[in-house]
Amino acid sequence: MKDELNVLVNANEGVTKGLRQWRFTSKDEINEKYILAYIKEAVANEEKGLSIKPEKKEVVPSEYFANELKSDASFAEAFQKFTPFKQKEFIEYVDSAKQEKTKIARMEKIKPMVLSGVGLNDKYR
């Protein structure tokens, strides 16, 4: 969207790309003519199908997780059978641990799950 009046504010600079706000601090700042022009442009953009598509971030497993996959072929094979979404869940679950002993404990927890084809959060779905 064009912002000729320079009134749109990015709510979370550097993070959001398509969500901008027009903020008002008093009733006197509200100008219906300008607001309608912005709304019509937004509707026109929507009808044209113009939108910002989110970028997919590829999750790279940590060195610890990658070593576990390399050292156990059956674990690696079973892990590859999961969808990318479920693979990401497992990787983030193990890699989000701060201490090494927690990573090891989490890896020991997920190995039987992966080998039996059960996803990390399947019991909640």
N, C-alpha and C. Protein backbone atom coordinates (compact mmCIF):
# COMPACT_ATOMS: atom_id res chain seq x y z
N MET A 1 0.83 -1.18 0.00
CA MET A 1 0.00 0.00 0.00
C MET A 1 0.87 1.24 0.00
N LYS A 2 0.45 2.20 -0.78
CA LYS A 2 1.16 3.48 -0.77
C LYS A 2 0.77 4.23 0.50
N ASP A 3 1.69 4.98 1.02
CA ASP A 3 1.44 5.79 2.21
C ASP A 3 1.83 7.23 1.90
N GLU A 4 1.01 7.87 1.06
CA GLU A 4 1.32 9.23 0.61
C GLU A 4 1.31 10.24 1.75
N LEU A 5 0.47 10.02 2.75
CA LEU A 5 0.38 10.95 3.87
C LEU A 5 1.39 10.65 4.97
N ASN A 6 2.09 9.53 4.83
CA ASN A 6 3.08 9.12 5.82
C ASN A 6 2.47 8.97 7.21
N VAL A 7 1.33 8.28 7.30
CA VAL A 7 0.64 8.13 8.58
C VAL A 7 0.66 6.70 9.09
N LEU A 8 1.01 5.74 8.24
CA LEU A 8 1.01 4.34 8.67
C LEU A 8 2.27 4.01 9.45
N VAL A 9 2.07 3.29 10.55
CA VAL A 9 3.16 2.93 11.45
C VAL A 9 3.30 1.41 11.47
N ASN A 10 4.53 0.93 11.35
CA ASN A 10 4.78 -0.50 11.47
C ASN A 10 4.77 -0.84 12.95
N ALA A 11 3.87 -1.73 13.34
CA ALA A 11 3.68 -2.05 14.75
C ALA A 11 4.90 -2.72 15.37
N ASN A 12 5.62 -3.50 14.60
CA ASN A 12 6.76 -4.23 15.11
C ASN A 12 7.88 -4.13 14.08
N GLU A 13 8.59 -3.05 14.08
CA GLU A 13 9.60 -2.75 13.07
C GLU A 13 10.60 -3.88 12.91
N GLY A 14 10.83 -4.26 11.66
CA GLY A 14 11.79 -5.31 11.38
C GLY A 14 11.21 -6.72 11.42
N VAL A 15 10.03 -6.87 12.01
CA VAL A 15 9.42 -8.20 12.12
C VAL A 15 8.25 -8.31 11.16
N THR A 16 7.30 -7.40 11.25
CA THR A 16 6.14 -7.44 10.38
C THR A 16 6.42 -6.66 9.11
N LYS A 17 5.83 -7.12 8.01
CA LYS A 17 6.05 -6.45 6.74
C LYS A 17 4.76 -5.89 6.15
N GLY A 18 3.64 -6.53 6.43
CA GLY A 18 2.40 -6.12 5.81
C GLY A 18 1.39 -5.50 6.76
N LEU A 19 1.66 -5.55 8.04
CA LEU A 19 0.70 -5.03 9.01
C LEU A 19 1.14 -3.65 9.49
N ARG A 20 0.42 -2.66 9.04
CA ARG A 20 0.71 -1.30 9.49
C ARG A 20 -0.55 -0.70 10.08
N GLN A 21 -0.38 0.27 10.94
CA GLN A 21 -1.50 0.87 11.65
C GLN A 21 -1.51 2.38 11.43
N TRP A 22 -2.71 2.91 11.52
CA TRP A 22 -2.88 4.36 11.50
C TRP A 22 -3.37 4.71 12.89
N ARG A 23 -2.55 5.38 13.65
CA ARG A 23 -2.88 5.67 15.04
C ARG A 23 -3.40 7.10 15.19
N PHE A 24 -4.41 7.23 16.03
CA PHE A 24 -4.98 8.54 16.32
C PHE A 24 -4.86 8.81 17.82
N THR A 25 -4.53 10.05 18.16
CA THR A 25 -4.44 10.40 19.58
C THR A 25 -5.60 11.30 20.01
N SER A 26 -6.31 11.85 19.03
CA SER A 26 -7.48 12.66 19.37
C SER A 26 -8.50 12.58 18.23
N LYS A 27 -9.73 13.00 18.53
CA LYS A 27 -10.79 12.99 17.51
C LYS A 27 -10.47 13.96 16.37
N ASP A 28 -9.76 15.00 16.68
CA ASP A 28 -9.47 16.02 15.67
C ASP A 28 -8.58 15.51 14.54
N GLU A 29 -7.83 14.47 14.79
CA GLU A 29 -6.93 13.92 13.78
C GLU A 29 -7.65 13.07 12.74
N ILE A 30 -8.88 12.70 13.00
CA ILE A 30 -9.63 11.81 12.11
C ILE A 30 -10.18 12.62 10.93
N ASN A 31 -9.77 12.19 9.73
CA ASN A 31 -10.23 12.83 8.50
C ASN A 31 -10.84 11.73 7.63
N GLU A 32 -12.17 11.75 7.53
CA GLU A 32 -12.88 10.67 6.83
C GLU A 32 -12.45 10.52 5.38
N LYS A 33 -12.17 11.62 4.71
CA LYS A 33 -11.78 11.58 3.30
C LYS A 33 -10.49 10.77 3.12
N TYR A 34 -9.50 11.02 3.96
CA TYR A 34 -8.24 10.30 3.86
C TYR A 34 -8.40 8.84 4.28
N ILE A 35 -9.17 8.61 5.31
CA ILE A 35 -9.37 7.24 5.78
C ILE A 35 -10.07 6.41 4.70
N LEU A 36 -11.10 6.98 4.07
CA LEU A 36 -11.80 6.27 2.99
C LEU A 36 -10.87 5.97 1.83
N ALA A 37 -9.98 6.90 1.49
CA ALA A 37 -9.03 6.68 0.40
C ALA A 37 -8.12 5.49 0.72
N TYR A 38 -7.64 5.41 1.97
CA TYR A 38 -6.80 4.29 2.37
C TYR A 38 -7.58 2.98 2.36
N ILE A 39 -8.81 3.00 2.82
CA ILE A 39 -9.64 1.80 2.84
C ILE A 39 -9.90 1.31 1.41
N LYS A 40 -10.23 2.24 0.52
CA LYS A 40 -10.48 1.85 -0.87
C LYS A 40 -9.24 1.24 -1.51
N GLU A 41 -8.08 1.79 -1.22
CA GLU A 41 -6.84 1.23 -1.76
C GLU A 41 -6.59 -0.17 -1.19
N ALA A 42 -6.87 -0.35 0.09
CA ALA A 42 -6.69 -1.67 0.72
C ALA A 42 -7.64 -2.69 0.10
N VAL A 43 -8.88 -2.30 -0.14
CA VAL A 43 -9.86 -3.20 -0.76
C VAL A 43 -9.43 -3.53 -2.19
N ALA A 44 -8.95 -2.54 -2.93
CA ALA A 44 -8.49 -2.78 -4.30
C ALA A 44 -7.31 -3.75 -4.32
N ASN A 45 -6.38 -3.57 -3.39
CA ASN A 45 -5.24 -4.49 -3.31
C ASN A 45 -5.70 -5.91 -3.00
N GLU A 46 -6.67 -6.03 -2.13
CA GLU A 46 -7.19 -7.35 -1.76
C GLU A 46 -7.87 -8.00 -2.96
N GLU A 47 -8.63 -7.23 -3.74
CA GLU A 47 -9.32 -7.76 -4.92
C GLU A 47 -8.33 -8.18 -5.99
N LYS A 48 -7.18 -7.48 -6.09
CA LYS A 48 -6.14 -7.84 -7.06
C LYS A 48 -5.34 -9.05 -6.60
N GLY A 49 -5.51 -9.40 -5.35
CA GLY A 49 -4.76 -10.53 -4.80
C GLY A 49 -3.36 -10.17 -4.36
N LEU A 50 -3.11 -8.88 -4.19
CA LEU A 50 -1.79 -8.45 -3.73
C LEU A 50 -1.67 -8.70 -2.24
N SER A 51 -0.65 -9.42 -1.87
CA SER A 51 -0.40 -9.66 -0.45
C SER A 51 1.05 -10.05 -0.27
N ILE A 52 1.51 -9.95 0.95
CA ILE A 52 2.87 -10.34 1.27
C ILE A 52 2.82 -11.75 1.84
N LYS A 53 3.46 -12.65 1.15
CA LYS A 53 3.49 -14.05 1.59
C LYS A 53 4.57 -14.21 2.66
N PRO A 54 4.26 -14.95 3.72
CA PRO A 54 5.29 -15.17 4.75
C PRO A 54 6.41 -16.05 4.22
N GLU A 55 7.61 -15.74 4.66
CA GLU A 55 8.76 -16.53 4.24
C GLU A 55 8.86 -17.77 5.11
N LYS A 56 9.12 -18.89 4.47
CA LYS A 56 9.28 -20.12 5.24
C LYS A 56 10.72 -20.20 5.73
N LYS A 57 10.83 -20.44 7.02
CA LYS A 57 12.16 -20.56 7.61
C LYS A 57 12.49 -22.04 7.75
N GLU A 58 13.62 -22.40 7.19
CA GLU A 58 14.04 -23.79 7.28
C GLU A 58 14.76 -23.99 8.61
N VAL A 59 14.37 -25.02 9.31
CA VAL A 59 14.98 -25.30 10.61
C VAL A 59 16.19 -26.20 10.38
N VAL A 60 17.32 -25.74 10.88
CA VAL A 60 18.55 -26.50 10.76
C VAL A 60 18.84 -27.14 12.11
N PRO A 61 18.95 -28.46 12.15
CA PRO A 61 19.22 -29.09 13.44
C PRO A 61 20.60 -28.72 13.97
N SER A 62 20.70 -28.72 15.28
CA SER A 62 21.98 -28.42 15.91
C SER A 62 22.98 -29.53 15.61
N GLU A 63 24.21 -29.28 15.95
CA GLU A 63 25.26 -30.27 15.73
C GLU A 63 24.96 -31.55 16.53
N TYR A 64 24.44 -31.37 17.75
CA TYR A 64 24.10 -32.52 18.59
C TYR A 64 23.03 -33.39 17.93
N PHE A 65 21.97 -32.75 17.43
CA PHE A 65 20.88 -33.50 16.79
C PHE A 65 21.38 -34.18 15.52
N ALA A 66 22.17 -33.45 14.73
CA ALA A 66 22.70 -34.02 13.48
C ALA A 66 23.60 -35.22 13.76
N ASN A 67 24.40 -35.14 14.82
CA ASN A 67 25.27 -36.27 15.18
C ASN A 67 24.46 -37.49 15.58
N GLU A 68 23.36 -37.26 16.29
CA GLU A 68 22.48 -38.37 16.68
C GLU A 68 21.88 -39.05 15.45
N LEU A 69 21.50 -38.24 14.46
CA LEU A 69 20.95 -38.81 13.22
C LEU A 69 22.01 -39.62 12.48
N LYS A 70 23.25 -39.11 12.47
CA LYS A 70 24.34 -39.81 11.77
C LYS A 70 24.71 -41.12 12.46
N SER A 71 24.66 -41.10 13.77
CA SER A 71 25.13 -42.27 14.53
C SER A 71 24.12 -43.42 14.56
N ASP A 72 22.86 -43.12 14.32
CA ASP A 72 21.83 -44.17 14.39
C ASP A 72 21.02 -44.15 13.09
N ALA A 73 21.33 -45.09 12.20
CA ALA A 73 20.70 -45.12 10.88
C ALA A 73 19.19 -45.38 10.96
N SER A 74 18.76 -46.25 11.88
CA SER A 74 17.33 -46.55 11.98
C SER A 74 16.57 -45.33 12.50
N PHE A 75 17.18 -44.59 13.42
CA PHE A 75 16.57 -43.35 13.92
C PHE A 75 16.46 -42.32 12.80
N ALA A 76 17.53 -42.17 12.01
CA ALA A 76 17.53 -41.21 10.90
C ALA A 76 16.47 -41.58 9.87
N GLU A 77 16.35 -42.85 9.57
CA GLU A 77 15.37 -43.32 8.57
C GLU A 77 13.95 -43.05 9.07
N ALA A 78 13.69 -43.38 10.32
CA ALA A 78 12.36 -43.15 10.89
C ALA A 78 12.06 -41.66 10.97
N PHE A 79 13.06 -40.86 11.28
CA PHE A 79 12.89 -39.40 11.38
C PHE A 79 12.51 -38.81 10.03
N GLN A 80 13.13 -39.30 8.95
CA GLN A 80 12.85 -38.78 7.61
C GLN A 80 11.44 -39.10 7.14
N LYS A 81 10.79 -40.09 7.74
CA LYS A 81 9.42 -40.44 7.35
C LYS A 81 8.39 -39.43 7.85
N PHE A 82 8.77 -38.64 8.84
CA PHE A 82 7.86 -37.63 9.38
C PHE A 82 7.74 -36.45 8.42
N THR A 83 6.63 -35.74 8.53
CA THR A 83 6.44 -34.53 7.73
C THR A 83 7.43 -33.46 8.21
N PRO A 84 7.75 -32.48 7.37
CA PRO A 84 8.66 -31.41 7.80
C PRO A 84 8.18 -30.70 9.07
N PHE A 85 6.87 -30.57 9.22
CA PHE A 85 6.31 -29.92 10.41
C PHE A 85 6.68 -30.70 11.67
N LYS A 86 6.50 -32.02 11.62
CA LYS A 86 6.80 -32.84 12.79
C LYS A 86 8.30 -32.94 13.04
N GLN A 87 9.08 -32.95 11.97
CA GLN A 87 10.53 -32.93 12.12
C GLN A 87 10.96 -31.66 12.85
N LYS A 88 10.36 -30.54 12.46
CA LYS A 88 10.68 -29.26 13.09
C LYS A 88 10.32 -29.29 14.57
N GLU A 89 9.19 -29.90 14.91
CA GLU A 89 8.80 -30.00 16.32
C GLU A 89 9.85 -30.75 17.13
N PHE A 90 10.31 -31.88 16.61
CA PHE A 90 11.33 -32.66 17.31
C PHE A 90 12.63 -31.88 17.46
N ILE A 91 13.07 -31.26 16.37
CA ILE A 91 14.33 -30.51 16.40
C ILE A 91 14.25 -29.37 17.41
N GLU A 92 13.16 -28.60 17.36
CA GLU A 92 13.03 -27.47 18.29
C GLU A 92 12.91 -27.95 19.74
N TYR A 93 12.26 -29.08 19.95
CA TYR A 93 12.10 -29.61 21.30
C TYR A 93 13.47 -29.93 21.92
N VAL A 94 14.31 -30.59 21.14
CA VAL A 94 15.63 -30.97 21.66
C VAL A 94 16.56 -29.74 21.72
N ASP A 95 16.58 -28.96 20.66
CA ASP A 95 17.53 -27.85 20.58
C ASP A 95 17.18 -26.66 21.47
N SER A 96 15.95 -26.58 21.93
CA SER A 96 15.58 -25.45 22.79
C SER A 96 16.10 -25.62 24.22
N ALA A 97 16.58 -26.81 24.55
CA ALA A 97 17.15 -27.04 25.89
C ALA A 97 18.46 -26.27 26.02
N LYS A 98 18.67 -25.67 27.18
CA LYS A 98 19.88 -24.87 27.39
C LYS A 98 21.04 -25.72 27.88
N GLN A 99 20.75 -26.69 28.71
CA GLN A 99 21.82 -27.52 29.26
C GLN A 99 21.97 -28.80 28.44
N GLU A 100 23.18 -29.25 28.37
CA GLU A 100 23.48 -30.46 27.60
C GLU A 100 22.75 -31.68 28.16
N LYS A 101 22.68 -31.78 29.49
CA LYS A 101 22.01 -32.95 30.08
C LYS A 101 20.51 -32.96 29.75
N THR A 102 19.92 -31.77 29.61
CA THR A 102 18.51 -31.69 29.21
C THR A 102 18.33 -32.13 27.77
N LYS A 103 19.26 -31.74 26.90
CA LYS A 103 19.20 -32.18 25.50
C LYS A 103 19.29 -33.71 25.41
N ILE A 104 20.18 -34.27 26.21
CA ILE A 104 20.35 -35.73 26.20
C ILE A 104 19.07 -36.41 26.69
N ALA A 105 18.48 -35.88 27.76
CA ALA A 105 17.24 -36.46 28.30
C ALA A 105 16.11 -36.34 27.28
N ARG A 106 16.02 -35.21 26.62
CA ARG A 106 14.96 -35.04 25.61
C ARG A 106 15.18 -35.98 24.42
N MET A 107 16.44 -36.14 24.03
CA MET A 107 16.72 -37.05 22.91
C MET A 107 16.34 -38.47 23.28
N GLU A 108 16.63 -38.87 24.52
CA GLU A 108 16.26 -40.22 24.97
C GLU A 108 14.74 -40.38 25.00
N LYS A 109 14.03 -39.29 25.26
CA LYS A 109 12.56 -39.35 25.29
C LYS A 109 11.98 -39.51 23.89
N ILE A 110 12.54 -38.77 22.91
CA ILE A 110 11.94 -38.78 21.58
C ILE A 110 12.36 -39.96 20.72
N LYS A 111 13.51 -40.56 20.99
CA LYS A 111 13.97 -41.67 20.14
C LYS A 111 12.93 -42.78 20.02
N PRO A 112 12.38 -43.29 21.14
CA PRO A 112 11.36 -44.34 20.99
C PRO A 112 10.12 -43.85 20.25
N MET A 113 9.78 -42.59 20.43
CA MET A 113 8.61 -42.03 19.74
C MET A 113 8.85 -42.01 18.23
N VAL A 114 10.03 -41.55 17.83
CA VAL A 114 10.36 -41.47 16.41
C VAL A 114 10.39 -42.87 15.81
N LEU A 115 11.03 -43.80 16.49
CA LEU A 115 11.14 -45.17 15.97
C LEU A 115 9.78 -45.86 15.84
N SER A 116 8.82 -45.48 16.70
CA SER A 116 7.49 -46.08 16.61
C SER A 116 6.54 -45.25 15.74
N GLY A 117 7.02 -44.13 15.19
CA GLY A 117 6.21 -43.32 14.28
C GLY A 117 5.21 -42.40 14.95
N VAL A 118 5.45 -42.09 16.22
CA VAL A 118 4.55 -41.22 16.99
C VAL A 118 5.14 -39.82 17.03
N GLY A 119 4.34 -38.83 16.67
CA GLY A 119 4.79 -37.45 16.72
C GLY A 119 4.86 -36.92 18.14
N LEU A 120 5.61 -35.86 18.32
CA LEU A 120 5.84 -35.30 19.64
C LEU A 120 4.54 -34.87 20.32
N ASN A 121 3.65 -34.24 19.59
CA ASN A 121 2.40 -33.74 20.16
C ASN A 121 1.16 -34.43 19.61
N ASP A 122 1.31 -35.65 19.14
CA ASP A 122 0.18 -36.38 18.55
C ASP A 122 -0.95 -36.63 19.54
N LYS A 123 -0.63 -36.82 20.80
CA LYS A 123 -1.69 -37.12 21.76
C LYS A 123 -2.62 -35.93 21.99
N TYR A 124 -2.19 -34.73 21.58
CA TYR A 124 -3.03 -33.54 21.74
C TYR A 124 -3.83 -33.22 20.48
N ARG A 125 -3.57 -33.91 19.41
CA ARG A 125 -4.25 -33.61 18.14
C ARG A 125 -5.40 -34.55 17.92
